[in-house]
């Protein structure tokens, strides 16, 4: 049976507001949380990008909901040994309510330490090595690692949860989906693709959880909602590999100047009609997703949670 969660947008909101939203999500009937992990927002208009591990600690104390990072890149900006420590501490703090979602990341966030941005195939190699290294550290043993991409010298994690955190892997292309099925404890995607779910299952993911997420914009009328989406998330309309390669928000803003309102909001449920929201979410259910996470675009979070509690979640059962 599919469960429904809320997607906390670190790019749009400051830390205390994210904690407030997490509490509202639990009261509204959402069963779990996603939270994005960025150093930069996609565009300056979004306005925020707090350190995700601090926010998760506060959210963990404020709610009883499971939390997944959607997603963390443990490759360049932060060494996987440090992510392993952060994830172990978080899993311990939450009593096992934490899932580490990982992916190969974007130059937008990772370029900041002044190193080369590896091509996609190399980043997949790095991700596989990083996941293996983190799992070794979660055993509590003394670890020395001399790998292709990472080196660790006599490292041991002392604060560990009862069980290591599950690692869910984000994937869109065939190679990343194959990696998710082969080494992941679950799969993450942001499109309702039954084909991707089938590929994950075929690659070794049969019986493992599949999480998906989408953005919506509830507002008094659909036109207002589409305007909000175009203002805050025009990067949704940017096609191709630019999201992985561009290093600064201003670069996304330059491309976004060519994105129309229709292109930005085309796949996003907009406005006050609950059936439109239900239809978009149901596409994920029918595609085989076990958990679906919804993110409200814009500042009117209180009205969104009221709307979903009364009009949308009851329709989803």
C-alpha atoms as a PDB file:
ATOM      1  CA  UNK A   1       0.000   0.000   0.000  1.00  0.00           C
ATOM      2  CA  UNK A   2       1.409   3.375  -0.997  1.00  0.00           C
ATOM      3  CA  UNK A   3       2.056   5.907   1.740  1.00  0.00           C
ATOM      4  CA  UNK A   4       2.256   9.673   1.306  1.00  0.00           C
ATOM      5  CA  UNK A   5       4.865  12.033   2.681  1.00  0.00           C
ATOM      6  CA  UNK A   6       5.833  15.679   2.545  1.00  0.00           C
ATOM      7  CA  UNK A   7       8.919  16.995   0.724  1.00  0.00           C
ATOM      8  CA  UNK A   8      10.653  19.804   2.654  1.00  0.00           C
ATOM      9  CA  UNK A   9      12.219  22.245   0.188  1.00  0.00           C
ATOM     10  CA  UNK A  10      15.494  23.508   1.638  1.00  0.00           C
ATOM     11  CA  UNK A  11      15.907  25.800  -1.370  1.00  0.00           C
ATOM     12  CA  UNK A  12      12.820  27.856  -0.476  1.00  0.00           C
ATOM     13  CA  UNK A  13      12.699  28.016   3.304  1.00  0.00           C
ATOM     14  CA  UNK A  14      14.843  28.923   6.295  1.00  0.00           C
ATOM     15  CA  UNK A  15      15.502  26.303   9.003  1.00  0.00           C
ATOM     16  CA  UNK A  16      12.794  27.214  11.532  1.00  0.00           C
ATOM     17  CA  UNK A  17      10.180  27.291   8.779  1.00  0.00           C
ATOM     18  CA  UNK A  18      11.229  23.827   7.617  1.00  0.00           C
ATOM     19  CA  UNK A  19      10.771  22.521  11.162  1.00  0.00           C
ATOM     20  CA  UNK A  20       7.367  24.206  11.364  1.00  0.00           C
ATOM     21  CA  UNK A  21       6.341  22.615   8.081  1.00  0.00           C
ATOM     22  CA  UNK A  22       7.458  19.194   9.294  1.00  0.00           C
ATOM     23  CA  UNK A  23       5.169  19.529  12.312  1.00  0.00           C
ATOM     24  CA  UNK A  24       2.273  20.684  10.125  1.00  0.00           C
ATOM     25  CA  UNK A  25       2.870  17.750   7.768  1.00  0.00           C
ATOM     26  CA  UNK A  26       2.527  15.285  10.632  1.00  0.00           C
ATOM     27  CA  UNK A  27      -0.666  16.958  11.868  1.00  0.00           C
ATOM     28  CA  UNK A  28      -2.108  16.938   8.334  1.00  0.00           C
ATOM     29  CA  UNK A  29      -1.676  13.176   8.023  1.00  0.00           C
ATOM     30  CA  UNK A  30       1.518  12.798   6.011  1.00  0.00           C
ATOM     31  CA  UNK A  31       3.399   9.677   7.055  1.00  0.00           C
ATOM     32  CA  UNK A  32       7.029  10.582   6.337  1.00  0.00           C
ATOM     33  CA  UNK A  33       9.384  13.330   5.160  1.00  0.00           C
ATOM     34  CA  UNK A  34      11.837  14.037   2.372  1.00  0.00           C
ATOM     35  CA  UNK A  35      14.298  16.909   2.687  1.00  0.00           C
ATOM     36  CA  UNK A  36      16.519  18.298  -0.064  1.00  0.00           C
ATOM     37  CA  UNK A  37      20.268  18.652   0.509  1.00  0.00           C
ATOM     38  CA  UNK A  38      21.821  21.615  -1.345  1.00  0.00           C
ATOM     39  CA  UNK A  39      24.606  24.137  -0.866  1.00  0.00           C
ATOM     40  CA  UNK A  40      23.013  26.595  -3.337  1.00  0.00           C
ATOM     41  CA  UNK A  41      19.386  27.044  -4.370  1.00  0.00           C
ATOM     42  CA  UNK A  42      18.700  26.547  -8.064  1.00  0.00           C
ATOM     43  CA  UNK A  43      17.982  30.273  -8.525  1.00  0.00           C
ATOM     44  CA  UNK A  44      18.374  33.264  -6.215  1.00  0.00           C
ATOM     45  CA  UNK A  45      14.603  33.810  -6.058  1.00  0.00           C
ATOM     46  CA  UNK A  46      14.226  30.577  -4.079  1.00  0.00           C
ATOM     47  CA  UNK A  47      16.381  32.263  -1.488  1.00  0.00           C
ATOM     48  CA  UNK A  48      17.642  29.591   0.949  1.00  0.00           C
ATOM     49  CA  UNK A  49      19.840  26.539   1.401  1.00  0.00           C
ATOM     50  CA  UNK A  50      20.516  25.662   5.065  1.00  0.00           C
ATOM     51  CA  UNK A  51      22.830  22.857   6.189  1.00  0.00           C
ATOM     52  CA  UNK A  52      20.573  19.842   6.012  1.00  0.00           C
ATOM     53  CA  UNK A  53      22.026  17.880   8.941  1.00  0.00           C
ATOM     54  CA  UNK A  54      21.270  20.660  11.421  1.00  0.00           C
ATOM     55  CA  UNK A  55      17.697  20.895  10.135  1.00  0.00           C
ATOM     56  CA  UNK A  56      17.197  17.126  10.299  1.00  0.00           C
ATOM     57  CA  UNK A  57      18.285  17.117  13.946  1.00  0.00           C
ATOM     58  CA  UNK A  58      15.637  19.704  14.779  1.00  0.00           C
ATOM     59  CA  UNK A  59      12.971  17.944  12.701  1.00  0.00           C
ATOM     60  CA  UNK A  60      13.762  14.630  14.388  1.00  0.00           C
ATOM     61  CA  UNK A  61      12.965  16.131  17.770  1.00  0.00           C
ATOM     62  CA  UNK A  62       9.882  18.012  16.540  1.00  0.00           C
ATOM     63  CA  UNK A  63       8.113  15.071  14.822  1.00  0.00           C
ATOM     64  CA  UNK A  64       7.916  11.298  14.935  1.00  0.00           C
ATOM     65  CA  UNK A  65       8.056  10.916  11.127  1.00  0.00           C
ATOM     66  CA  UNK A  66      10.701   8.967   9.176  1.00  0.00           C
ATOM     67  CA  UNK A  67      13.096  11.232   7.247  1.00  0.00           C
ATOM     68  CA  UNK A  68      14.939  10.646   3.964  1.00  0.00           C
ATOM     69  CA  UNK A  69      17.486  12.959   2.352  1.00  0.00           C
ATOM     70  CA  UNK A  70      16.397  13.537  -1.244  1.00  0.00           C
ATOM     71  CA  UNK A  71      19.187  13.490  -1.992  1.00  0.00           C
ATOM     72  CA  UNK A  72      22.659  13.786  -0.487  1.00  0.00           C
ATOM     73  CA  UNK A  73      25.746  13.672  -2.719  1.00  0.00           C
ATOM     74  CA  UNK A  74      28.560  11.929  -0.770  1.00  0.00           C
ATOM     75  CA  UNK A  75      31.159  12.404  -3.522  1.00  0.00           C
ATOM     76  CA  UNK A  76      32.946  15.763  -3.679  1.00  0.00           C
ATOM     77  CA  UNK A  77      31.743  18.560  -1.385  1.00  0.00           C
ATOM     78  CA  UNK A  78      31.655  16.280   1.674  1.00  0.00           C
ATOM     79  CA  UNK A  79      33.790  13.138   1.992  1.00  0.00           C
ATOM     80  CA  UNK A  80      31.764   9.920   2.369  1.00  0.00           C
ATOM     81  CA  UNK A  81      33.398   9.214   5.748  1.00  0.00           C
ATOM     82  CA  UNK A  82      31.851  12.437   7.093  1.00  0.00           C
ATOM     83  CA  UNK A  83      28.478  11.632   5.533  1.00  0.00           C
ATOM     84  CA  UNK A  84      28.739   8.193   7.174  1.00  0.00           C
ATOM     85  CA  UNK A  85      29.216   9.853  10.570  1.00  0.00           C
ATOM     86  CA  UNK A  86      26.349  12.301   9.959  1.00  0.00           C
ATOM     87  CA  UNK A  87      24.003   9.520   8.846  1.00  0.00           C
ATOM     88  CA  UNK A  88      24.956   7.259  11.768  1.00  0.00           C
ATOM     89  CA  UNK A  89      24.371  10.063  14.265  1.00  0.00           C
ATOM     90  CA  UNK A  90      21.033  10.937  12.649  1.00  0.00           C
ATOM     91  CA  UNK A  91      19.886   7.302  12.584  1.00  0.00           C
ATOM     92  CA  UNK A  92      20.847   6.990  16.256  1.00  0.00           C
ATOM     93  CA  UNK A  93      19.042  10.219  17.163  1.00  0.00           C
ATOM     94  CA  UNK A  94      15.864   9.210  15.337  1.00  0.00           C
ATOM     95  CA  UNK A  95      15.753   5.651  16.621  1.00  0.00           C
ATOM     96  CA  UNK A  96      15.973   4.199  13.120  1.00  0.00           C
ATOM     97  CA  UNK A  97      13.638   6.698  11.419  1.00  0.00           C
ATOM     98  CA  UNK A  98      16.317   7.897   8.990  1.00  0.00           C
ATOM     99  CA  UNK A  99      16.998   6.775   5.413  1.00  0.00           C
ATOM    100  CA  UNK A 100      20.053   8.124   3.574  1.00  0.00           C
ATOM    101  CA  UNK A 101      19.067   9.031   0.037  1.00  0.00           C
ATOM    102  CA  UNK A 102      22.130   9.493  -2.181  1.00  0.00           C
ATOM    103  CA  UNK A 103      22.880  10.439  -5.763  1.00  0.00           C
ATOM    104  CA  UNK A 104      25.644  11.640  -8.060  1.00  0.00           C
ATOM    105  CA  UNK A 105      24.849  15.300  -7.437  1.00  0.00           C
ATOM    106  CA  UNK A 106      25.110  18.543  -9.361  1.00  0.00           C
ATOM    107  CA  UNK A 107      27.985  20.913 -10.029  1.00  0.00           C
ATOM    108  CA  UNK A 108      25.723  23.609  -8.555  1.00  0.00           C
ATOM    109  CA  UNK A 109      26.475  22.281  -5.074  1.00  0.00           C
ATOM    110  CA  UNK A 110      29.663  20.290  -5.450  1.00  0.00           C
ATOM    111  CA  UNK A 111      31.973  22.672  -7.345  1.00  0.00           C
ATOM    112  CA  UNK A 112      32.415  24.975  -4.350  1.00  0.00           C
ATOM    113  CA  UNK A 113      35.562  23.281  -3.040  1.00  0.00           C
ATOM    114  CA  UNK A 114      37.417  24.180  -6.244  1.00  0.00           C
ATOM    115  CA  UNK A 115      37.904  20.772  -7.792  1.00  0.00           C
ATOM    116  CA  UNK A 116      37.040  19.274 -11.153  1.00  0.00           C
ATOM    117  CA  UNK A 117      33.496  18.091 -11.748  1.00  0.00           C
ATOM    118  CA  UNK A 118      33.774  14.438 -12.813  1.00  0.00           C
ATOM    119  CA  UNK A 119      31.754  13.113 -15.771  1.00  0.00           C
ATOM    120  CA  UNK A 120      28.629  11.051 -15.063  1.00  0.00           C
ATOM    121  CA  UNK A 121      30.246   7.623 -15.489  1.00  0.00           C
ATOM    122  CA  UNK A 122      33.008   8.504 -13.037  1.00  0.00           C
ATOM    123  CA  UNK A 123      30.518   9.871 -10.530  1.00  0.00           C
ATOM    124  CA  UNK A 124      28.654   6.560 -10.590  1.00  0.00           C
ATOM    125  CA  UNK A 125      31.936   4.777  -9.803  1.00  0.00           C
ATOM    126  CA  UNK A 126      32.527   7.240  -6.978  1.00  0.00           C
ATOM    127  CA  UNK A 127      29.019   6.683  -5.614  1.00  0.00           C
ATOM    128  CA  UNK A 128      29.460   2.903  -5.541  1.00  0.00           C
ATOM    129  CA  UNK A 129      32.778   3.224  -3.724  1.00  0.00           C
ATOM    130  CA  UNK A 130      31.329   5.813  -1.328  1.00  0.00           C
ATOM    131  CA  UNK A 131      28.366   3.603  -0.389  1.00  0.00           C
ATOM    132  CA  UNK A 132      30.660   0.629   0.214  1.00  0.00           C
ATOM    133  CA  UNK A 133      32.947   2.754   2.392  1.00  0.00           C
ATOM    134  CA  UNK A 134      30.054   4.145   4.449  1.00  0.00           C
ATOM    135  CA  UNK A 135      28.703   0.664   5.079  1.00  0.00           C
ATOM    136  CA  UNK A 136      32.124  -0.487   6.315  1.00  0.00           C
ATOM    137  CA  UNK A 137      32.242   2.450   8.733  1.00  0.00           C
ATOM    138  CA  UNK A 138      28.739   1.623  10.007  1.00  0.00           C
ATOM    139  CA  UNK A 139      30.052  -1.731  11.286  1.00  0.00           C
ATOM    140  CA  UNK A 140      31.959   0.146  14.000  1.00  0.00           C
ATOM    141  CA  UNK A 141      35.226  -1.471  12.965  1.00  0.00           C
ATOM    142  CA  UNK A 142      38.500   0.390  12.423  1.00  0.00           C
ATOM    143  CA  UNK A 143      38.592   1.162   8.708  1.00  0.00           C
ATOM    144  CA  UNK A 144      41.549   1.884   6.452  1.00  0.00           C
ATOM    145  CA  UNK A 145      40.598   2.293   2.819  1.00  0.00           C
ATOM    146  CA  UNK A 146      42.757   2.895  -0.243  1.00  0.00           C
ATOM    147  CA  UNK A 147      40.305   3.046  -3.108  1.00  0.00           C
ATOM    148  CA  UNK A 148      40.212   4.465  -6.598  1.00  0.00           C
ATOM    149  CA  UNK A 149      38.517   7.681  -5.477  1.00  0.00           C
ATOM    150  CA  UNK A 150      38.744   7.808  -1.667  1.00  0.00           C
ATOM    151  CA  UNK A 151      41.299   7.207   1.061  1.00  0.00           C
ATOM    152  CA  UNK A 152      40.550   6.723   4.744  1.00  0.00           C
ATOM    153  CA  UNK A 153      43.166   6.129   7.435  1.00  0.00           C
ATOM    154  CA  UNK A 154      42.247   4.222  10.618  1.00  0.00           C
ATOM    155  CA  UNK A 155      38.749   5.687  10.999  1.00  0.00           C
ATOM    156  CA  UNK A 156      36.171   4.328  13.421  1.00  0.00           C
ATOM    157  CA  UNK A 157      32.638   5.526  14.159  1.00  0.00           C
ATOM    158  CA  UNK A 158      31.771   5.264  17.843  1.00  0.00           C
ATOM    159  CA  UNK A 159      28.174   6.556  17.813  1.00  0.00           C
ATOM    160  CA  UNK A 160      26.131   4.047  15.855  1.00  0.00           C
ATOM    161  CA  UNK A 161      22.424   3.187  15.579  1.00  0.00           C
ATOM    162  CA  UNK A 162      21.138  -0.297  16.386  1.00  0.00           C
ATOM    163  CA  UNK A 163      20.882  -0.924  12.641  1.00  0.00           C
ATOM    164  CA  UNK A 164      22.785   0.912   9.878  1.00  0.00           C
ATOM    165  CA  UNK A 165      20.691   3.431   7.955  1.00  0.00           C
ATOM    166  CA  UNK A 166      19.230   2.127   4.697  1.00  0.00           C
ATOM    167  CA  UNK A 167      20.773   3.679   1.589  1.00  0.00           C
ATOM    168  CA  UNK A 168      18.294   4.681  -1.121  1.00  0.00           C
ATOM    169  CA  UNK A 169      19.833   5.584  -4.474  1.00  0.00           C
ATOM    170  CA  UNK A 170      18.478   8.171  -6.883  1.00  0.00           C
ATOM    171  CA  UNK A 171      18.563   7.195 -10.527  1.00  0.00           C
ATOM    172  CA  UNK A 172      17.183   8.426 -13.848  1.00  0.00           C
ATOM    173  CA  UNK A 173      19.303   6.845 -16.580  1.00  0.00           C
ATOM    174  CA  UNK A 174      19.769   3.112 -17.114  1.00  0.00           C
ATOM    175  CA  UNK A 175      23.208   2.979 -15.468  1.00  0.00           C
ATOM    176  CA  UNK A 176      22.137   4.769 -12.300  1.00  0.00           C
ATOM    177  CA  UNK A 177      18.976   2.653 -12.031  1.00  0.00           C
ATOM    178  CA  UNK A 178      21.069  -0.481 -12.430  1.00  0.00           C
ATOM    179  CA  UNK A 179      23.367   0.691  -9.633  1.00  0.00           C
ATOM    180  CA  UNK A 180      20.350   1.432  -7.419  1.00  0.00           C
ATOM    181  CA  UNK A 181      18.999  -2.067  -7.955  1.00  0.00           C
ATOM    182  CA  UNK A 182      22.352  -3.726  -7.411  1.00  0.00           C
ATOM    183  CA  UNK A 183      23.612  -1.958  -4.274  1.00  0.00           C
ATOM    184  CA  UNK A 184      20.742   0.182  -2.942  1.00  0.00           C
ATOM    185  CA  UNK A 185      18.328  -0.626  -0.146  1.00  0.00           C
ATOM    186  CA  UNK A 186      15.729   1.407  -2.063  1.00  0.00           C
ATOM    187  CA  UNK A 187      15.231   3.598  -5.121  1.00  0.00           C
ATOM    188  CA  UNK A 188      14.410   7.312  -5.489  1.00  0.00           C
ATOM    189  CA  UNK A 189      12.996   9.104  -8.530  1.00  0.00           C
ATOM    190  CA  UNK A 190      11.131  12.320  -9.310  1.00  0.00           C
ATOM    191  CA  UNK A 191       9.069  11.088 -12.231  1.00  0.00           C
ATOM    192  CA  UNK A 192       6.157   8.594 -12.276  1.00  0.00           C
ATOM    193  CA  UNK A 193       7.924   6.136 -14.587  1.00  0.00           C
ATOM    194  CA  UNK A 194       6.734   2.541 -14.386  1.00  0.00           C
ATOM    195  CA  UNK A 195       9.571   1.663 -16.767  1.00  0.00           C
ATOM    196  CA  UNK A 196      12.175   2.967 -14.303  1.00  0.00           C
ATOM    197  CA  UNK A 197      10.584   1.010 -11.452  1.00  0.00           C
ATOM    198  CA  UNK A 198      10.621  -2.149 -13.583  1.00  0.00           C
ATOM    199  CA  UNK A 199      14.298  -1.616 -14.445  1.00  0.00           C
ATOM    200  CA  UNK A 200      15.110  -1.157 -10.754  1.00  0.00           C
ATOM    201  CA  UNK A 201      13.319  -4.392  -9.894  1.00  0.00           C
ATOM    202  CA  UNK A 202      15.066  -6.258 -12.725  1.00  0.00           C
ATOM    203  CA  UNK A 203      18.480  -5.007 -11.555  1.00  0.00           C
ATOM    204  CA  UNK A 204      18.074  -6.531  -8.102  1.00  0.00           C
ATOM    205  CA  UNK A 205      15.581  -4.173  -6.512  1.00  0.00           C
ATOM    206  CA  UNK A 206      12.611  -6.533  -6.358  1.00  0.00           C
ATOM    207  CA  UNK A 207      10.995  -6.189  -2.936  1.00  0.00           C
ATOM    208  CA  UNK A 208      12.928  -3.019  -2.076  1.00  0.00           C
ATOM    209  CA  UNK A 209      11.101   0.289  -1.419  1.00  0.00           C
ATOM    210  CA  UNK A 210      10.604   2.790  -4.233  1.00  0.00           C
ATOM    211  CA  UNK A 211      10.176   6.484  -3.371  1.00  0.00           C
ATOM    212  CA  UNK A 212       8.985   9.212  -5.720  1.00  0.00           C
ATOM    213  CA  UNK A 213       8.424  12.922  -5.375  1.00  0.00           C
ATOM    214  CA  UNK A 214       6.612  15.757  -7.105  1.00  0.00           C
ATOM    215  CA  UNK A 215       5.978  19.453  -6.676  1.00  0.00           C
ATOM    216  CA  UNK A 216       2.527  21.045  -6.565  1.00  0.00           C
ATOM    217  CA  UNK A 217       1.215  24.555  -6.046  1.00  0.00           C
ATOM    218  CA  UNK A 218      -2.043  24.952  -4.191  1.00  0.00           C
ATOM    219  CA  UNK A 219      -3.507  28.468  -4.494  1.00  0.00           C
ATOM    220  CA  UNK A 220      -6.978  30.098  -4.686  1.00  0.00           C
ATOM    221  CA  UNK A 221      -6.855  29.878  -8.477  1.00  0.00           C
ATOM    222  CA  UNK A 222      -4.779  27.994 -11.022  1.00  0.00           C
ATOM    223  CA  UNK A 223      -3.465  31.107 -12.784  1.00  0.00           C
ATOM    224  CA  UNK A 224      -1.998  32.442  -9.546  1.00  0.00           C
ATOM    225  CA  UNK A 225      -0.396  29.074  -8.864  1.00  0.00           C
ATOM    226  CA  UNK A 226       1.199  28.888 -12.315  1.00  0.00           C
ATOM    227  CA  UNK A 227       2.661  32.365 -11.805  1.00  0.00           C
ATOM    228  CA  UNK A 228       4.172  31.250  -8.505  1.00  0.00           C
ATOM    229  CA  UNK A 229       5.695  28.142 -10.080  1.00  0.00           C
ATOM    230  CA  UNK A 230       7.191  30.198 -12.911  1.00  0.00           C
ATOM    231  CA  UNK A 231       8.663  32.690 -10.439  1.00  0.00           C
ATOM    232  CA  UNK A 232      10.169  30.181  -8.022  1.00  0.00           C
ATOM    233  CA  UNK A 233      10.860  27.042 -10.075  1.00  0.00           C
ATOM    234  CA  UNK A 234      11.400  28.018 -13.730  1.00  0.00           C
ATOM    235  CA  UNK A 235      14.341  25.603 -13.714  1.00  0.00           C
ATOM    236  CA  UNK A 236      11.762  22.794 -13.917  1.00  0.00           C
ATOM    237  CA  UNK A 237      11.421  23.755 -17.572  1.00  0.00           C
ATOM    238  CA  UNK A 238      15.156  23.471 -18.343  1.00  0.00           C
ATOM    239  CA  UNK A 239      15.746  20.291 -20.317  1.00  0.00           C
ATOM    240  CA  UNK A 240      18.766  18.023 -20.705  1.00  0.00           C
ATOM    241  CA  UNK A 241      21.929  17.758 -18.645  1.00  0.00           C
ATOM    242  CA  UNK A 242      22.203  21.414 -17.595  1.00  0.00           C
ATOM    243  CA  UNK A 243      20.972  20.605 -14.063  1.00  0.00           C
ATOM    244  CA  UNK A 244      24.051  18.434 -13.502  1.00  0.00           C
ATOM    245  CA  UNK A 245      26.599  20.741 -15.110  1.00  0.00           C
ATOM    246  CA  UNK A 246      25.862  24.420 -14.356  1.00  0.00           C
ATOM    247  CA  UNK A 247      27.774  25.761 -11.323  1.00  0.00           C
ATOM    248  CA  UNK A 248      25.820  28.843 -10.205  1.00  0.00           C
ATOM    249  CA  UNK A 249      22.219  29.938  -9.645  1.00  0.00           C
ATOM    250  CA  UNK A 250      22.707  32.813 -12.091  1.00  0.00           C
ATOM    251  CA  UNK A 251      23.432  30.297 -14.851  1.00  0.00           C
ATOM    252  CA  UNK A 252      20.074  28.635 -14.218  1.00  0.00           C
ATOM    253  CA  UNK A 253      18.452  32.072 -14.194  1.00  0.00           C
ATOM    254  CA  UNK A 254      19.957  32.820 -17.598  1.00  0.00           C
ATOM    255  CA  UNK A 255      18.493  29.643 -19.078  1.00  0.00           C
ATOM    256  CA  UNK A 256      15.224  30.188 -17.212  1.00  0.00           C
ATOM    257  CA  UNK A 257      14.680  33.420 -19.125  1.00  0.00           C
ATOM    258  CA  UNK A 258      13.804  31.200 -22.084  1.00  0.00           C
ATOM    259  CA  UNK A 259      11.350  29.069 -20.067  1.00  0.00           C
ATOM    260  CA  UNK A 260       7.706  30.011 -20.466  1.00  0.00           C
ATOM    261  CA  UNK A 261       5.150  29.761 -17.696  1.00  0.00           C
ATOM    262  CA  UNK A 262       3.588  26.804 -19.484  1.00  0.00           C
ATOM    263  CA  UNK A 263       6.935  24.994 -19.650  1.00  0.00           C
ATOM    264  CA  UNK A 264       7.725  25.672 -15.987  1.00  0.00           C
ATOM    265  CA  UNK A 265       4.331  24.601 -14.677  1.00  0.00           C
ATOM    266  CA  UNK A 266       3.405  22.040 -17.316  1.00  0.00           C
ATOM    267  CA  UNK A 267       3.753  18.946 -15.147  1.00  0.00           C
ATOM    268  CA  UNK A 268       2.824  20.592 -11.855  1.00  0.00           C
ATOM    269  CA  UNK A 269      -0.670  20.395 -10.334  1.00  0.00           C
ATOM    270  CA  UNK A 270      -1.708  24.025  -9.859  1.00  0.00           C
ATOM    271  CA  UNK A 271      -4.675  25.561  -8.088  1.00  0.00           C
ATOM    272  CA  UNK A 272      -7.524  24.537  -5.776  1.00  0.00           C
ATOM    273  CA  UNK A 273      -8.946  21.464  -7.567  1.00  0.00           C
ATOM    274  CA  UNK A 274      -8.223  18.400  -5.394  1.00  0.00           C
ATOM    275  CA  UNK A 275      -8.820  16.027  -8.284  1.00  0.00           C
ATOM    276  CA  UNK A 276      -5.911  17.531 -10.217  1.00  0.00           C
ATOM    277  CA  UNK A 277      -3.594  16.892  -7.270  1.00  0.00           C
ATOM    278  CA  UNK A 278      -4.974  13.389  -6.745  1.00  0.00           C
ATOM    279  CA  UNK A 279      -4.508  12.563 -10.421  1.00  0.00           C
ATOM    280  CA  UNK A 280      -0.828  13.555 -10.418  1.00  0.00           C
ATOM    281  CA  UNK A 281      -0.101  11.588  -7.245  1.00  0.00           C
ATOM    282  CA  UNK A 282      -2.027   8.567  -8.501  1.00  0.00           C
ATOM    283  CA  UNK A 283       0.314   8.374 -11.500  1.00  0.00           C
ATOM    284  CA  UNK A 284       3.096   7.469  -9.070  1.00  0.00           C
ATOM    285  CA  UNK A 285       0.908   4.913  -7.302  1.00  0.00           C
ATOM    286  CA  UNK A 286      -0.006   3.253 -10.590  1.00  0.00           C
ATOM    287  CA  UNK A 287       3.656   3.243 -11.659  1.00  0.00           C
ATOM    288  CA  UNK A 288       4.533   1.110  -8.635  1.00  0.00           C
ATOM    289  CA  UNK A 289       5.896   3.621  -6.115  1.00  0.00           C
ATOM    290  CA  UNK A 290       5.639   2.605  -2.461  1.00  0.00           C
ATOM    291  CA  UNK A 291       6.054   6.123  -1.063  1.00  0.00           C
ATOM    292  CA  UNK A 292       5.090   9.423  -2.730  1.00  0.00           C
ATOM    293  CA  UNK A 293       6.314  12.794  -1.441  1.00  0.00           C
ATOM    294  CA  UNK A 294       4.597  16.094  -2.237  1.00  0.00           C
ATOM    295  CA  UNK A 295       6.208  19.542  -2.029  1.00  0.00           C
ATOM    296  CA  UNK A 296       4.195  22.752  -2.000  1.00  0.00           C
ATOM    297  CA  UNK A 297       5.781  25.537  -4.052  1.00  0.00           C
ATOM    298  CA  UNK A 298       5.534  29.001  -2.536  1.00  0.00           C
ATOM    299  CA  UNK A 299       4.930  30.639   0.834  1.00  0.00           C
ATOM    300  CA  UNK A 300       1.328  29.611   1.499  1.00  0.00           C
ATOM    301  CA  UNK A 301       2.127  26.436   3.392  1.00  0.00           C
ATOM    302  CA  UNK A 302      -0.670  26.668   5.982  1.00  0.00           C
ATOM    303  CA  UNK A 303      -3.413  26.681   3.353  1.00  0.00           C
ATOM    304  CA  UNK A 304      -1.696  23.805   1.549  1.00  0.00           C
ATOM    305  CA  UNK A 305      -1.631  21.561   4.613  1.00  0.00           C
ATOM    306  CA  UNK A 306      -5.258  22.369   5.402  1.00  0.00           C
ATOM    307  CA  UNK A 307      -6.220  21.601   1.794  1.00  0.00           C
ATOM    308  CA  UNK A 308      -4.373  18.277   1.744  1.00  0.00           C
ATOM    309  CA  UNK A 309      -5.686  17.222   5.160  1.00  0.00           C
ATOM    310  CA  UNK A 310      -9.305  17.868   4.169  1.00  0.00           C
ATOM    311  CA  UNK A 311      -9.437  17.401   0.401  1.00  0.00           C
ATOM    312  CA  UNK A 312      -6.532  15.369  -0.980  1.00  0.00           C
ATOM    313  CA  UNK A 313      -5.221  12.787   1.480  1.00  0.00           C
ATOM    314  CA  UNK A 314      -8.723  11.428   2.244  1.00  0.00           C
ATOM    315  CA  UNK A 315      -9.246  10.883  -1.492  1.00  0.00           C
ATOM    316  CA  UNK A 316      -5.995   8.932  -1.639  1.00  0.00           C
ATOM    317  CA  UNK A 317      -7.138   6.593   1.100  1.00  0.00           C
END
